[in-house]
C-alpha atoms as a PDB file:
ATOM      1  CA  GLN A   1     -37.738  10.390  83.404  1.00  0.00           C
ATOM      2  CA  GLN A   2     -36.238  10.396  79.900  1.00  0.00           C
ATOM      3  CA  THR A   3     -36.280   6.607  79.810  1.00  0.00           C
ATOM      4  CA  GLU A   4     -39.909   6.573  80.895  1.00  0.00           C
ATOM      5  CA  MET A   5     -40.861   8.992  78.122  1.00  0.00           C
ATOM      6  CA  THR A   6     -38.978   6.914  75.551  1.00  0.00           C
ATOM      7  CA  GLN A   7     -40.770   3.745  76.635  1.00  0.00           C
ATOM      8  CA  PHE A   8     -44.120   5.531  76.507  1.00  0.00           C
ATOM      9  CA  LEU A   9     -43.549   6.797  72.960  1.00  0.00           C
ATOM     10  CA  LYS A  10     -42.373   3.356  71.886  1.00  0.00           C
ATOM     11  CA  ASN A  11     -45.568   1.810  73.238  1.00  0.00           C
ATOM     12  CA  ILE A  12     -47.680   4.400  71.415  1.00  0.00           C
ATOM     13  CA  ALA A  13     -45.848   3.669  68.156  1.00  0.00           C
ATOM     14  CA  LEU A  14     -46.340  -0.084  68.543  1.00  0.00           C
ATOM     15  CA  ALA A  15     -50.040   0.371  69.316  1.00  0.00           C
ATOM     16  CA  GLY A  16     -50.439   2.592  66.245  1.00  0.00           C
ATOM     17  CA  GLY A  17     -48.693   0.031  64.067  1.00  0.00           C
ATOM     18  CA  ALA A  18     -50.955  -2.727  65.366  1.00  0.00           C
ATOM     19  CA  LEU A  19     -54.031  -0.603  64.613  1.00  0.00           C
ATOM     20  CA  ILE A  20     -52.843  -0.011  61.055  1.00  0.00           C
ATOM     21  CA  ILE A  21     -52.212  -3.728  60.521  1.00  0.00           C
ATOM     22  CA  VAL A  22     -55.701  -4.555  61.806  1.00  0.00           C
ATOM     23  CA  ALA A  23     -57.287  -1.868  59.609  1.00  0.00           C
ATOM     24  CA  ILE A  24     -55.425  -3.004  56.481  1.00  0.00           C
ATOM     25  CA  GLY A  25     -55.837  -6.701  57.266  1.00  0.00           C
ATOM     26  CA  SER A  26     -59.608  -6.469  57.039  1.00  0.00           C
ATOM     27  CA  GLN A  27     -59.449  -5.121  53.475  1.00  0.00           C
ATOM     28  CA  SER A  28     -58.710  -7.099  50.346  1.00  0.00           C
ATOM     29  CA  TRP A  29     -55.786  -5.837  48.311  1.00  0.00           C
ATOM     30  CA  ALA A  30     -55.588  -5.863  44.540  1.00  0.00           C
ATOM     31  CA  TYR A  31     -52.098  -7.355  44.777  1.00  0.00           C
ATOM     32  CA  SER A  32     -52.827  -9.825  47.580  1.00  0.00           C
ATOM     33  CA  LEU A  33     -51.842 -13.462  47.192  1.00  0.00           C
ATOM     34  CA  GLY A  34     -54.966 -14.809  48.840  1.00  0.00           C
ATOM     35  CA  ILE A  35     -53.371 -14.682  52.285  1.00  0.00           C
ATOM     36  CA  THR A  36     -55.659 -13.447  55.053  1.00  0.00           C
ATOM     37  CA  ILE A  37     -54.727 -12.516  58.596  1.00  0.00           C
ATOM     38  CA  LEU A  38     -58.092 -13.313  60.145  1.00  0.00           C
END
């Protein structure tokens, strides 16, 4: 059960990180080098 909880929390963290990357990737940064994700 502990392993299952650890895997679940890891998946939540990875999903949150992906959401942040998508949210930031759609914006243009002042210090960006002209590289776009999409």
